[in-house]
Amino acid sequence: MSRWIFEPGHTAAEFTSRHMMVSNVRGHIKDVHGEIEFDPDDPTAGSVEAVLDARKLWTGEAARDEHLKSEDFLHVEEYPEITFAGDRVEAVGCSEMRVTGELTIRGTTREVALDVRYLGSWATPYWEDGADRGPIQRAGFVAETVIDRHDFGVSWNDTLDGGGVVVGDEVWIRIDVEALEAGVLE
C-alpha cells in the first residue's frame, strides 16, 4: 500500500448550487491538502483524508464570497476548514470506487459517499529549489458527490415571487486530486 500526498498546486475543489431557480453558481477552493493510502491492485484497502480551507473559497464575485463565508453560510471565522476522512472503499468498476466517510462542514459531521475515479499514475520530474528531485510517481483522482446543504447547517435562503428560492438545497462537489507518492518526499 502506497501513501500519496496531495500536490496543492494541482489539486482543487469545486462546488455548484442552483441560483434563483434558473442557473448554477460555481465556486472553487484551491487550498486543499490531504493524503491517500492507495494500491490500484487492491483499492478496497485504501483510505483518504482531505482538508479544504473554506476561508479561501472563490466564486468570482467578492460580495458573494463574503456572504458565503459569513454566519449565513459557512461561518469560516468559527469553522475555517471543511474535512473528509474515508476508509470504506468499494470497487464499482475497473478504475471507479465509492469511498464512504465523514464529511464535516460548519462543525457538523455526516456520512457521505464519494464516487471516485482513478486516473492513473506516471513517473514525472519533481522540481524543488531549482533542482529536479525526480522522477516521482504522480497519481490522479476525481471525486464527486451531492449533498443537501441543510444537513450541515448551511440553511440561509430567501424566497422569490411565485414560491421560488434564491439558493438551491443541493450542492454538487467535485475534487480533482494530483497526488505524489510520499516515499520520495520524506
C-alpha atoms as a PDB file:
ATOM      1  CA  MET A   1       0.000   0.000   0.000  1.00  0.00           C
ATOM      2  CA  SER A   2       1.461   3.358  -1.021  1.00  0.00           C
ATOM      3  CA  ARG A   3       0.888   6.666   0.716  1.00  0.00           C
ATOM      4  CA  TRP A   4       0.182   9.617  -1.578  1.00  0.00           C
ATOM      5  CA  ILE A   5       0.292  13.314  -0.613  1.00  0.00           C
ATOM      6  CA  PHE A   6      -1.975  15.862  -2.341  1.00  0.00           C
ATOM      7  CA  GLU A   7       0.040  18.244  -4.516  1.00  0.00           C
ATOM      8  CA  PRO A   8      -1.716  21.550  -3.650  1.00  0.00           C
ATOM      9  CA  GLY A   9      -0.706  23.334  -6.844  1.00  0.00           C
ATOM     10  CA  HIS A  10      -2.653  20.786  -8.891  1.00  0.00           C
ATOM     11  CA  THR A  11      -5.497  19.893  -6.539  1.00  0.00           C
ATOM     12  CA  ALA A  12      -8.757  21.829  -6.217  1.00  0.00           C
ATOM     13  CA  ALA A  13     -12.368  21.528  -5.105  1.00  0.00           C
ATOM     14  CA  GLU A  14     -15.365  22.897  -6.975  1.00  0.00           C
ATOM     15  CA  PHE A  15     -18.909  23.325  -5.707  1.00  0.00           C
ATOM     16  CA  THR A  16     -22.066  24.094  -7.649  1.00  0.00           C
ATOM     17  CA  SER A  17     -25.523  25.127  -6.461  1.00  0.00           C
ATOM     18  CA  ARG A  18     -28.672  26.430  -8.106  1.00  0.00           C
ATOM     19  CA  HIS A  19     -29.229  30.198  -8.039  1.00  0.00           C
ATOM     20  CA  MET A  20     -32.591  31.957  -8.372  1.00  0.00           C
ATOM     21  CA  MET A  21     -34.174  28.744  -9.707  1.00  0.00           C
ATOM     22  CA  VAL A  22     -32.694  29.229 -13.190  1.00  0.00           C
ATOM     23  CA  SER A  23     -28.914  28.882 -13.213  1.00  0.00           C
ATOM     24  CA  ASN A  24     -25.941  27.339 -11.424  1.00  0.00           C
ATOM     25  CA  VAL A  25     -23.293  29.186  -9.447  1.00  0.00           C
ATOM     26  CA  ARG A  26     -19.854  27.628  -9.195  1.00  0.00           C
ATOM     27  CA  GLY A  27     -17.183  28.207  -6.632  1.00  0.00           C
ATOM     28  CA  HIS A  28     -13.685  26.926  -6.033  1.00  0.00           C
ATOM     29  CA  ILE A  29     -11.387  26.171  -3.135  1.00  0.00           C
ATOM     30  CA  LYS A  30      -7.801  25.883  -4.278  1.00  0.00           C
ATOM     31  CA  ASP A  31      -6.213  25.333  -0.845  1.00  0.00           C
ATOM     32  CA  VAL A  32      -6.775  21.568  -0.492  1.00  0.00           C
ATOM     33  CA  HIS A  33      -4.421  19.290   1.431  1.00  0.00           C
ATOM     34  CA  GLY A  34      -4.543  15.621   2.272  1.00  0.00           C
ATOM     35  CA  GLU A  35      -3.252  12.146   1.762  1.00  0.00           C
ATOM     36  CA  ILE A  36      -4.403   8.863   0.308  1.00  0.00           C
ATOM     37  CA  GLU A  37      -3.470   5.279   1.091  1.00  0.00           C
ATOM     38  CA  PHE A  38      -3.951   3.544  -2.250  1.00  0.00           C
ATOM     39  CA  ASP A  39      -2.936   0.465  -4.206  1.00  0.00           C
ATOM     40  CA  PRO A  40      -4.514   0.171  -7.677  1.00  0.00           C
ATOM     41  CA  ASP A  41      -4.350  -3.627  -7.338  1.00  0.00           C
ATOM     42  CA  ASP A  42      -6.361  -3.524  -4.081  1.00  0.00           C
ATOM     43  CA  PRO A  43      -8.274  -0.227  -3.890  1.00  0.00           C
ATOM     44  CA  THR A  44     -10.684  -1.532  -1.226  1.00  0.00           C
ATOM     45  CA  ALA A  45      -7.889  -1.420   1.384  1.00  0.00           C
ATOM     46  CA  GLY A  46      -7.382   2.323   0.847  1.00  0.00           C
ATOM     47  CA  SER A  47      -8.292   5.480   2.722  1.00  0.00           C
ATOM     48  CA  VAL A  48      -8.310   9.238   2.242  1.00  0.00           C
ATOM     49  CA  GLU A  49      -8.113  12.355   4.407  1.00  0.00           C
ATOM     50  CA  ALA A  50      -8.675  15.819   2.977  1.00  0.00           C
ATOM     51  CA  VAL A  51      -8.758  19.359   4.403  1.00  0.00           C
ATOM     52  CA  LEU A  52     -10.156  22.321   2.456  1.00  0.00           C
ATOM     53  CA  ASP A  53      -9.517  25.883   3.645  1.00  0.00           C
ATOM     54  CA  ALA A  54     -13.034  27.376   3.401  1.00  0.00           C
ATOM     55  CA  ARG A  55     -11.653  30.875   4.067  1.00  0.00           C
ATOM     56  CA  LYS A  56     -10.181  30.785   0.562  1.00  0.00           C
ATOM     57  CA  LEU A  57     -13.340  29.972  -1.402  1.00  0.00           C
ATOM     58  CA  TRP A  58     -13.785  31.965  -4.607  1.00  0.00           C
ATOM     59  CA  THR A  59     -16.814  32.371  -6.892  1.00  0.00           C
ATOM     60  CA  GLY A  60     -15.648  35.361  -8.914  1.00  0.00           C
ATOM     61  CA  GLU A  61     -17.906  37.831  -7.063  1.00  0.00           C
ATOM     62  CA  ALA A  62     -16.364  39.391  -3.943  1.00  0.00           C
ATOM     63  CA  ALA A  63     -19.695  40.240  -2.303  1.00  0.00           C
ATOM     64  CA  ARG A  64     -20.999  36.700  -2.827  1.00  0.00           C
ATOM     65  CA  ASP A  65     -17.733  35.237  -1.495  1.00  0.00           C
ATOM     66  CA  GLU A  66     -18.067  37.297   1.683  1.00  0.00           C
ATOM     67  CA  HIS A  67     -21.690  36.205   2.096  1.00  0.00           C
ATOM     68  CA  LEU A  68     -20.745  32.527   1.660  1.00  0.00           C
ATOM     69  CA  LYS A  69     -18.001  32.944   4.272  1.00  0.00           C
ATOM     70  CA  SER A  70     -20.381  34.661   6.731  1.00  0.00           C
ATOM     71  CA  GLU A  71     -22.505  33.145   9.515  1.00  0.00           C
ATOM     72  CA  ASP A  72     -25.352  32.784   6.987  1.00  0.00           C
ATOM     73  CA  PHE A  73     -23.441  30.006   5.205  1.00  0.00           C
ATOM     74  CA  LEU A  74     -20.034  28.505   6.130  1.00  0.00           C
ATOM     75  CA  HIS A  75     -19.201  30.797   9.095  1.00  0.00           C
ATOM     76  CA  VAL A  76     -15.483  30.488   8.289  1.00  0.00           C
ATOM     77  CA  GLU A  77     -14.432  32.647  11.228  1.00  0.00           C
ATOM     78  CA  GLU A  78     -15.504  29.826  13.548  1.00  0.00           C
ATOM     79  CA  TYR A  79     -15.229  26.876  11.126  1.00  0.00           C
ATOM     80  CA  PRO A  80     -12.308  27.607   8.746  1.00  0.00           C
ATOM     81  CA  GLU A  81     -11.932  24.046   7.438  1.00  0.00           C
ATOM     82  CA  ILE A  82     -14.037  21.508   5.606  1.00  0.00           C
ATOM     83  CA  THR A  83     -12.758  17.955   6.156  1.00  0.00           C
ATOM     84  CA  PHE A  84     -13.356  14.483   4.788  1.00  0.00           C
ATOM     85  CA  ALA A  85     -11.983  11.200   6.163  1.00  0.00           C
ATOM     86  CA  GLY A  86     -12.986   7.946   4.492  1.00  0.00           C
ATOM     87  CA  ASP A  87     -11.768   4.381   4.804  1.00  0.00           C
ATOM     88  CA  ARG A  88     -14.654   2.308   3.467  1.00  0.00           C
ATOM     89  CA  VAL A  89     -13.829   1.702  -0.181  1.00  0.00           C
ATOM     90  CA  GLU A  90     -15.965  -0.320  -2.562  1.00  0.00           C
ATOM     91  CA  ALA A  91     -14.752  -1.113  -6.081  1.00  0.00           C
ATOM     92  CA  VAL A  92     -17.556  -0.309  -8.539  1.00  0.00           C
ATOM     93  CA  GLY A  93     -15.617  -0.569 -11.783  1.00  0.00           C
ATOM     94  CA  CYS A  94     -12.154  -1.171 -13.133  1.00  0.00           C
ATOM     95  CA  SER A  95     -10.949   2.280 -12.027  1.00  0.00           C
ATOM     96  CA  GLU A  96     -14.016   3.509 -10.133  1.00  0.00           C
ATOM     97  CA  MET A  97     -14.615   3.325  -6.395  1.00  0.00           C
ATOM     98  CA  ARG A  98     -17.135   4.532  -3.867  1.00  0.00           C
ATOM     99  CA  VAL A  99     -15.404   5.907  -0.774  1.00  0.00           C
ATOM    100  CA  THR A 100     -17.594   6.395   2.294  1.00  0.00           C
ATOM    101  CA  GLY A 101     -16.502   8.543   5.193  1.00  0.00           C
ATOM    102  CA  GLU A 102     -17.193  11.513   7.425  1.00  0.00           C
ATOM    103  CA  LEU A 103     -17.647  14.961   5.870  1.00  0.00           C
ATOM    104  CA  THR A 104     -17.504  17.908   8.286  1.00  0.00           C
ATOM    105  CA  ILE A 105     -18.841  21.324   7.267  1.00  0.00           C
ATOM    106  CA  ARG A 106     -19.549  24.135   9.698  1.00  0.00           C
ATOM    107  CA  GLY A 107     -18.832  21.825  12.658  1.00  0.00           C
ATOM    108  CA  THR A 108     -21.430  19.245  11.584  1.00  0.00           C
ATOM    109  CA  THR A 109     -20.295  15.763  10.551  1.00  0.00           C
ATOM    110  CA  ARG A 110     -22.309  13.464   8.315  1.00  0.00           C
ATOM    111  CA  GLU A 111     -21.558  10.239   6.478  1.00  0.00           C
ATOM    112  CA  VAL A 112     -21.094  10.852   2.749  1.00  0.00           C
ATOM    113  CA  ALA A 113     -20.137   8.609  -0.172  1.00  0.00           C
ATOM    114  CA  LEU A 114     -17.782   9.955  -2.836  1.00  0.00           C
ATOM    115  CA  ASP A 115     -17.742   8.472  -6.328  1.00  0.00           C
ATOM    116  CA  VAL A 116     -14.033   8.321  -7.149  1.00  0.00           C
ATOM    117  CA  ARG A 117     -12.319   7.673 -10.459  1.00  0.00           C
ATOM    118  CA  TYR A 118      -8.630   6.730 -10.509  1.00  0.00           C
ATOM    119  CA  LEU A 119      -6.995   8.458 -13.490  1.00  0.00           C
ATOM    120  CA  GLY A 120      -3.718   6.511 -13.372  1.00  0.00           C
ATOM    121  CA  SER A 121      -0.150   7.267 -12.341  1.00  0.00           C
ATOM    122  CA  TRP A 122       3.030   8.287 -14.099  1.00  0.00           C
ATOM    123  CA  ALA A 123       6.719   8.816 -13.263  1.00  0.00           C
ATOM    124  CA  THR A 124       7.449  12.547 -13.662  1.00  0.00           C
ATOM    125  CA  PRO A 125      10.073  15.162 -12.820  1.00  0.00           C
ATOM    126  CA  TYR A 126       9.777  16.822  -9.419  1.00  0.00           C
ATOM    127  CA  TRP A 127      11.339  20.270  -9.119  1.00  0.00           C
ATOM    128  CA  GLU A 128      12.250  21.698  -5.725  1.00  0.00           C
ATOM    129  CA  ASP A 129      14.565  24.663  -5.091  1.00  0.00           C
ATOM    130  CA  GLY A 130      15.608  24.702  -8.747  1.00  0.00           C
ATOM    131  CA  ALA A 131      16.668  21.033  -8.827  1.00  0.00           C
ATOM    132  CA  ASP A 132      14.892  18.008 -10.247  1.00  0.00           C
ATOM    133  CA  ARG A 133      14.437  15.539  -7.362  1.00  0.00           C
ATOM    134  CA  GLY A 134      12.511  13.177  -9.601  1.00  0.00           C
ATOM    135  CA  PRO A 135      11.457  11.021 -11.014  1.00  0.00           C
ATOM    136  CA  ILE A 136       8.480  10.918  -8.697  1.00  0.00           C
ATOM    137  CA  GLN A 137       5.306   8.923  -9.188  1.00  0.00           C
ATOM    138  CA  ARG A 138       2.154  11.056  -9.558  1.00  0.00           C
ATOM    139  CA  ALA A 139      -1.411   9.755  -9.431  1.00  0.00           C
ATOM    140  CA  GLY A 140      -4.685  11.420 -10.370  1.00  0.00           C
ATOM    141  CA  PHE A 141      -8.155  11.069  -8.870  1.00  0.00           C
ATOM    142  CA  VAL A 142     -11.543  12.750  -9.350  1.00  0.00           C
ATOM    143  CA  ALA A 143     -14.121  12.545  -6.550  1.00  0.00           C
ATOM    144  CA  GLU A 144     -17.748  13.677  -6.808  1.00  0.00           C
ATOM    145  CA  THR A 145     -20.791  13.769  -4.560  1.00  0.00           C
ATOM    146  CA  VAL A 146     -24.018  15.679  -3.976  1.00  0.00           C
ATOM    147  CA  ILE A 147     -25.051  16.852  -0.515  1.00  0.00           C
ATOM    148  CA  ASP A 148     -28.030  18.630   0.982  1.00  0.00           C
ATOM    149  CA  ARG A 149     -26.525  21.792   2.489  1.00  0.00           C
ATOM    150  CA  HIS A 150     -29.167  21.866   5.239  1.00  0.00           C
ATOM    151  CA  ASP A 151     -27.710  18.610   6.634  1.00  0.00           C
ATOM    152  CA  PHE A 152     -24.645  20.686   7.579  1.00  0.00           C
ATOM    153  CA  GLY A 153     -26.440  23.722   8.991  1.00  0.00           C
ATOM    154  CA  VAL A 154     -25.903  25.799   5.851  1.00  0.00           C
ATOM    155  CA  SER A 155     -29.510  26.915   5.585  1.00  0.00           C
ATOM    156  CA  TRP A 156     -29.749  30.624   4.729  1.00  0.00           C
ATOM    157  CA  ASN A 157     -32.222  31.357   1.962  1.00  0.00           C
ATOM    158  CA  ASP A 158     -34.714  33.912   0.719  1.00  0.00           C
ATOM    159  CA  THR A 159     -37.909  33.443  -1.246  1.00  0.00           C
ATOM    160  CA  LEU A 160     -38.784  34.692  -4.696  1.00  0.00           C
ATOM    161  CA  ASP A 161     -42.181  35.701  -6.031  1.00  0.00           C
ATOM    162  CA  GLY A 162     -44.092  32.601  -7.015  1.00  0.00           C
ATOM    163  CA  GLY A 163     -42.550  30.396  -4.308  1.00  0.00           C
ATOM    164  CA  GLY A 164     -39.019  30.028  -5.641  1.00  0.00           C
ATOM    165  CA  VAL A 165     -35.842  30.350  -3.594  1.00  0.00           C
ATOM    166  CA  VAL A 166     -32.540  32.160  -4.035  1.00  0.00           C
ATOM    167  CA  VAL A 167     -30.303  29.159  -3.243  1.00  0.00           C
ATOM    168  CA  GLY A 168     -30.976  25.503  -4.086  1.00  0.00           C
ATOM    169  CA  ASP A 169     -30.729  22.807  -1.420  1.00  0.00           C
ATOM    170  CA  GLU A 170     -28.343  20.505  -3.267  1.00  0.00           C
ATOM    171  CA  VAL A 171     -24.637  21.216  -3.628  1.00  0.00           C
ATOM    172  CA  TRP A 172     -22.591  19.260  -6.179  1.00  0.00           C
ATOM    173  CA  ILE A 173     -18.984  18.813  -5.091  1.00  0.00           C
ATOM    174  CA  ARG A 174     -16.040  17.760  -7.267  1.00  0.00           C
ATOM    175  CA  ILE A 175     -12.446  17.401  -6.103  1.00  0.00           C
ATOM    176  CA  ASP A 176      -9.610  16.950  -8.596  1.00  0.00           C
ATOM    177  CA  VAL A 177      -6.530  15.494  -6.899  1.00  0.00           C
ATOM    178  CA  GLU A 178      -2.983  15.158  -8.159  1.00  0.00           C
ATOM    179  CA  ALA A 179      -1.008  13.230  -5.574  1.00  0.00           C
ATOM    180  CA  LEU A 180       2.697  12.490  -5.150  1.00  0.00           C
ATOM    181  CA  GLU A 181       3.982   9.188  -3.817  1.00  0.00           C
ATOM    182  CA  ALA A 182       5.168  10.029  -0.319  1.00  0.00           C
ATOM    183  CA  GLY A 183       8.373   7.925  -0.214  1.00  0.00           C
ATOM    184  CA  VAL A 184      10.379  10.332  -2.387  1.00  0.00           C
ATOM    185  CA  LEU A 185       9.269  13.361  -0.360  1.00  0.00           C
ATOM    186  CA  GLU A 186      10.471  12.032   3.002  1.00  0.00           C
END
